Amino acid sequence: MARRASVTHLVAAEEASVFSNRRDAGRQLAQRLAHLKAQRPVVLALPRGGVPVGFEIASALDAPLDLVLVRKIGVPWQPELALGAVTDGGDPEVFIDRRLVSELAIPEDWIAEETARQIHEIERRRRVYGAGYAPLEIAGRPVIVVDDGIATGATMRVALRATRRRNPSLLILAVPVAAEDTLASLQSEVDEIACLQSPADLRAIGFFYRDFHQLSDAEVSKFLIWAAHPAENR
């Protein structure tokens, strides 16, 4: 039987205020996840944008913070349109939207080349972000997977499937804003969803943030250091 998540704390977009920035979104989202604190969860964020959100959730729940490294595989002439996604690991999880491949007549050799290129970028980011740190052990613990927003869901779907293979006791998706239909399509991948805004017509995730600047690798590393040493550098 397909897994169906409980969807908690959904708020229509018109009823909620725009977030000041990703950290503000994380603080608001953390309030909706407070019931998990006693269960000693682990927070896994998608870089780059999910890291400040995840940092605030981890801080509020006294939880460790780590990364799920996923790269979007974009359409050749429109890279922001997700054709699929790939995640890191010895056996990378790959998702390709075959309907879109067929509709756009995208060559298979290009998909293979782009997938390899994104795996190489994942390996680079793991070296930059994870220098000196081993991935957290999550088996048997609740895991909260976090991003700053979800549009098509291709990247998040891969992240959730890769995380599920690591045997968490519960898998929770937490996101400040997500397209309503995409959120519904992800319910079978998780045990619980916490989302603050789920508009039926999501035009752009950045619309919901006053500050939605592109984070640098240095900013991501800073949040990871802060999370590892919570009494310092706040």
Protein backbone atom coordinates (compact mmCIF):
# COMPACT_ATOMS: atom_id res chain seq x y z
CA MET A 1 0.00 0.00 0.00
CA ALA A 2 1.34 3.45 -0.90
CA ARG A 3 2.43 5.57 2.00
CA ARG A 4 0.32 8.69 2.55
CA ALA A 5 1.66 11.51 4.67
CA SER A 6 -0.28 13.50 7.17
CA VAL A 7 -0.19 17.09 5.97
CA THR A 8 -0.05 19.51 8.86
CA HIS A 9 -0.40 23.24 9.25
CA LEU A 10 -1.13 24.22 5.68
CA VAL A 11 -1.98 27.90 5.30
CA ALA A 12 -3.34 29.48 2.15
CA ALA A 13 -0.90 31.93 0.59
CA GLU A 14 -3.23 34.89 0.81
CA GLU A 15 -3.59 34.40 4.58
CA ALA A 16 0.09 34.49 5.48
CA SER A 17 2.68 37.25 5.33
CA VAL A 18 5.74 37.17 3.12
CA PHE A 19 8.89 35.92 4.85
CA SER A 20 11.62 38.45 5.59
CA ASN A 21 14.28 35.96 4.55
CA ARG A 22 15.05 32.24 4.73
CA ARG A 23 15.94 32.36 8.42
CA ASP A 24 12.61 34.01 9.23
CA ALA A 25 10.85 31.26 7.27
CA GLY A 26 12.81 28.66 9.21
CA ARG A 27 11.83 30.16 12.55
CA GLN A 28 8.15 30.15 11.57
CA LEU A 29 8.37 26.60 10.28
CA ALA A 30 10.12 25.45 13.46
CA GLN A 31 7.04 26.41 15.48
CA ARG A 32 5.02 23.92 13.44
CA LEU A 33 7.57 21.17 14.14
CA ALA A 34 7.91 21.65 17.90
CA HIS A 35 6.06 18.38 18.58
CA LEU A 36 9.07 16.50 17.18
CA LYS A 37 11.65 17.93 19.58
CA ALA A 38 11.36 15.16 22.19
CA GLN A 39 11.90 12.55 19.49
CA ARG A 40 15.49 13.73 18.82
CA PRO A 41 15.12 14.40 15.10
CA VAL A 42 17.87 15.05 12.55
CA VAL A 43 17.48 17.96 10.12
CA LEU A 44 18.71 17.50 6.54
CA ALA A 45 18.76 20.61 4.36
CA LEU A 46 19.03 20.97 0.60
CA PRO A 47 21.76 23.46 -0.27
CA ARG A 48 22.05 26.12 -0.89
CA GLY A 49 18.70 27.77 -0.09
CA GLY A 50 17.43 25.16 2.35
CA VAL A 51 20.38 25.54 4.71
CA PRO A 52 19.35 28.78 6.50
CA VAL A 53 15.82 27.39 6.86
CA GLY A 54 17.16 24.12 8.22
CA PHE A 55 19.56 25.92 10.54
CA GLU A 56 16.72 27.68 12.34
CA ILE A 57 14.69 24.47 12.61
CA ALA A 58 17.69 22.56 13.96
CA SER A 59 18.42 25.34 16.47
CA ALA A 60 14.83 25.40 17.74
CA LEU A 61 14.62 21.61 18.07
CA ASP A 62 18.14 21.12 19.47
CA ALA A 63 18.75 18.87 16.49
CA PRO A 64 21.87 18.19 14.42
CA LEU A 65 22.01 19.67 10.92
CA ASP A 66 23.38 17.97 7.82
CA LEU A 67 22.91 18.17 4.06
CA VAL A 68 21.14 16.25 1.32
CA LEU A 69 23.15 17.08 -1.78
CA VAL A 70 20.85 17.09 -4.80
CA ARG A 71 21.33 18.68 -8.19
CA LYS A 72 18.60 19.53 -10.65
CA ILE A 73 18.88 18.25 -14.21
CA GLY A 74 17.43 21.10 -16.22
CA VAL A 75 16.05 21.30 -19.72
CA PRO A 76 18.95 22.23 -22.08
CA TRP A 77 17.48 25.53 -23.27
CA GLN A 78 15.69 26.33 -20.00
CA PRO A 79 17.90 25.17 -17.09
CA GLU A 80 15.45 26.35 -14.42
CA LEU A 81 12.82 23.89 -15.69
CA ALA A 82 13.52 20.60 -13.93
CA LEU A 83 13.78 17.59 -16.19
CA GLY A 84 14.93 15.52 -13.24
CA ALA A 85 17.43 15.41 -10.40
CA VAL A 86 20.25 13.34 -8.93
CA THR A 87 21.57 12.97 -5.37
CA ASP A 88 24.93 11.94 -3.94
CA GLY A 89 26.03 8.61 -2.55
CA GLY A 90 27.74 5.45 -3.66
CA ASP A 91 24.57 4.53 -5.58
CA PRO A 92 23.11 7.92 -6.65
CA GLU A 93 19.34 8.26 -6.80
CA VAL A 94 18.27 9.62 -10.20
CA PHE A 95 14.80 10.78 -11.21
CA ILE A 96 13.97 11.73 -14.82
CA ASP A 97 10.57 13.02 -15.91
CA ARG A 98 10.04 10.72 -18.87
CA ARG A 99 6.87 12.51 -19.94
CA LEU A 100 8.82 15.76 -20.28
CA VAL A 101 11.68 13.99 -22.08
CA SER A 102 9.20 12.70 -24.64
CA GLU A 103 7.32 15.97 -25.05
CA LEU A 104 10.52 17.99 -25.56
CA ALA A 105 12.40 15.31 -27.56
CA ILE A 106 15.49 15.57 -25.37
CA PRO A 107 18.29 13.19 -26.48
CA GLU A 108 19.25 10.39 -24.10
CA ASP A 109 22.97 11.04 -24.57
CA TRP A 110 22.49 14.62 -23.37
CA ILE A 111 20.62 13.37 -20.28
CA ALA A 112 23.48 10.96 -19.47
CA GLU A 113 26.11 13.68 -19.92
CA GLU A 114 24.21 16.20 -17.82
CA THR A 115 23.59 13.64 -15.08
CA ALA A 116 27.33 12.91 -14.93
CA ARG A 117 28.10 16.63 -14.80
CA GLN A 118 25.71 17.17 -11.90
CA ILE A 119 27.16 14.20 -9.99
CA HIS A 120 30.59 15.81 -10.40
CA GLU A 121 29.22 19.08 -8.98
CA ILE A 122 27.69 17.19 -6.04
CA GLU A 123 31.11 15.67 -5.29
CA ARG A 124 32.67 19.15 -5.40
CA ARG A 125 30.08 20.53 -3.00
CA ARG A 126 30.52 17.61 -0.62
CA ARG A 127 34.25 18.41 -0.47
CA VAL A 128 33.58 22.12 0.13
CA TYR A 129 30.75 21.78 2.66
CA GLY A 130 31.70 18.54 4.34
CA ALA A 131 35.43 18.94 4.85
CA GLY A 132 36.27 17.19 8.13
CA TYR A 133 32.71 16.03 8.78
CA ALA A 134 31.24 12.54 8.37
CA PRO A 135 27.57 12.33 7.31
CA LEU A 136 25.21 12.01 10.26
CA GLU A 137 23.81 8.58 11.07
CA ILE A 138 20.04 8.81 10.71
CA ALA A 139 18.85 5.19 10.83
CA GLY A 140 16.11 4.76 13.42
CA ARG A 141 15.64 8.51 14.01
CA PRO A 142 13.03 10.97 12.75
CA VAL A 143 14.44 13.00 9.86
CA ILE A 144 13.19 16.39 8.70
CA VAL A 145 14.12 17.21 5.10
CA VAL A 146 14.07 20.96 4.45
CA ASP A 147 14.22 23.34 1.49
CA ASP A 148 13.31 27.00 0.99
CA GLY A 149 10.53 26.17 -1.47
CA ILE A 150 9.25 23.55 -3.90
CA ALA A 151 8.03 24.19 -7.43
CA THR A 152 8.03 21.06 -9.61
CA GLY A 153 9.23 18.73 -6.83
CA ALA A 154 11.76 16.81 -8.94
CA THR A 155 14.71 17.73 -6.74
CA MET A 156 12.85 17.13 -3.49
CA ARG A 157 11.50 13.77 -4.67
CA VAL A 158 15.04 12.50 -5.26
CA ALA A 159 16.17 13.85 -1.88
CA LEU A 160 13.31 12.11 -0.07
CA ARG A 161 13.87 8.78 -1.79
CA ALA A 162 17.59 8.87 -1.05
CA THR A 163 16.86 9.70 2.58
CA ARG A 164 14.27 6.95 2.90
CA ARG A 165 16.90 4.40 1.82
CA ARG A 166 18.87 5.35 4.96
CA ASN A 167 16.05 3.95 7.15
CA PRO A 168 14.81 6.84 9.29
CA SER A 169 12.07 6.00 11.77
CA LEU A 170 9.97 8.86 10.37
CA LEU A 171 10.48 11.00 7.28
CA ILE A 172 9.11 14.54 7.48
CA LEU A 173 9.08 17.11 4.68
CA ALA A 174 9.28 20.70 5.92
CA VAL A 175 9.11 23.65 3.55
CA PRO A 176 7.90 27.24 3.88
CA VAL A 177 6.17 27.34 0.49
CA ALA A 178 5.28 24.73 -2.12
CA ALA A 179 2.94 24.44 -5.09
CA GLU A 180 -0.29 22.81 -3.99
CA ASP A 181 -0.29 20.05 -6.63
CA THR A 182 3.39 19.30 -6.11
CA LEU A 183 2.86 18.97 -2.38
CA ALA A 184 0.05 16.51 -2.99
CA SER A 185 2.27 14.46 -5.31
CA LEU A 186 4.94 14.16 -2.60
CA GLN A 187 2.62 12.82 0.12
CA SER A 188 3.37 9.20 -0.76
CA GLU A 189 7.12 9.79 -0.25
CA VAL A 190 6.92 10.88 3.41
CA ASP A 191 5.14 10.28 6.72
CA GLU A 192 4.36 13.91 7.49
CA ILE A 193 4.43 17.26 5.71
CA ALA A 194 4.69 20.69 7.32
CA CYS A 195 4.20 23.60 4.94
CA LEU A 196 3.31 27.21 5.69
CA GLN A 197 1.99 28.29 2.28
CA SER A 198 0.70 26.14 -0.58
CA PRO A 199 -0.65 28.32 -3.40
CA ALA A 200 -2.54 26.66 -6.22
CA ASP A 201 -0.66 28.82 -8.72
CA LEU A 202 2.97 29.16 -7.59
CA ARG A 203 4.61 31.60 -9.99
CA ALA A 204 7.94 32.00 -8.21
CA ILE A 205 9.26 30.92 -4.83
CA GLY A 206 11.17 34.19 -4.48
CA PHE A 207 7.87 36.09 -4.45
CA PHE A 208 7.30 34.90 -0.88
CA TYR A 209 10.61 36.32 0.42
CA ARG A 210 11.69 39.92 0.81
CA ASP A 211 15.31 38.76 0.71
CA PHE A 212 15.85 35.78 -1.59
CA HIS A 213 19.46 36.32 -2.60
CA GLN A 214 21.50 33.42 -3.96
CA LEU A 215 23.61 31.99 -1.16
CA SER A 216 27.32 31.40 -1.61
CA ASP A 217 29.24 28.27 -0.67
CA ALA A 218 30.81 30.31 2.13
CA GLU A 219 27.40 31.14 3.61
CA VAL A 220 26.39 27.47 3.55
CA SER A 221 29.62 26.49 5.30
CA LYS A 222 29.05 29.21 7.91
CA PHE A 223 25.63 27.82 8.86
CA LEU A 224 27.04 24.30 9.12
CA ILE A 225 29.81 25.53 11.42
CA TRP A 226 27.30 27.44 13.54
CA ALA A 227 25.11 24.35 13.80
CA ALA A 228 28.07 22.18 14.85
CA HIS A 229 29.12 24.75 17.51
CA PRO A 230 25.83 26.28 18.70
CA ALA A 231 27.37 28.27 21.56
CA GLU A 232 29.72 30.10 19.20
CA ASN A 233 29.54 32.59 16.33
CA ARG A 234 25.84 33.46 16.58
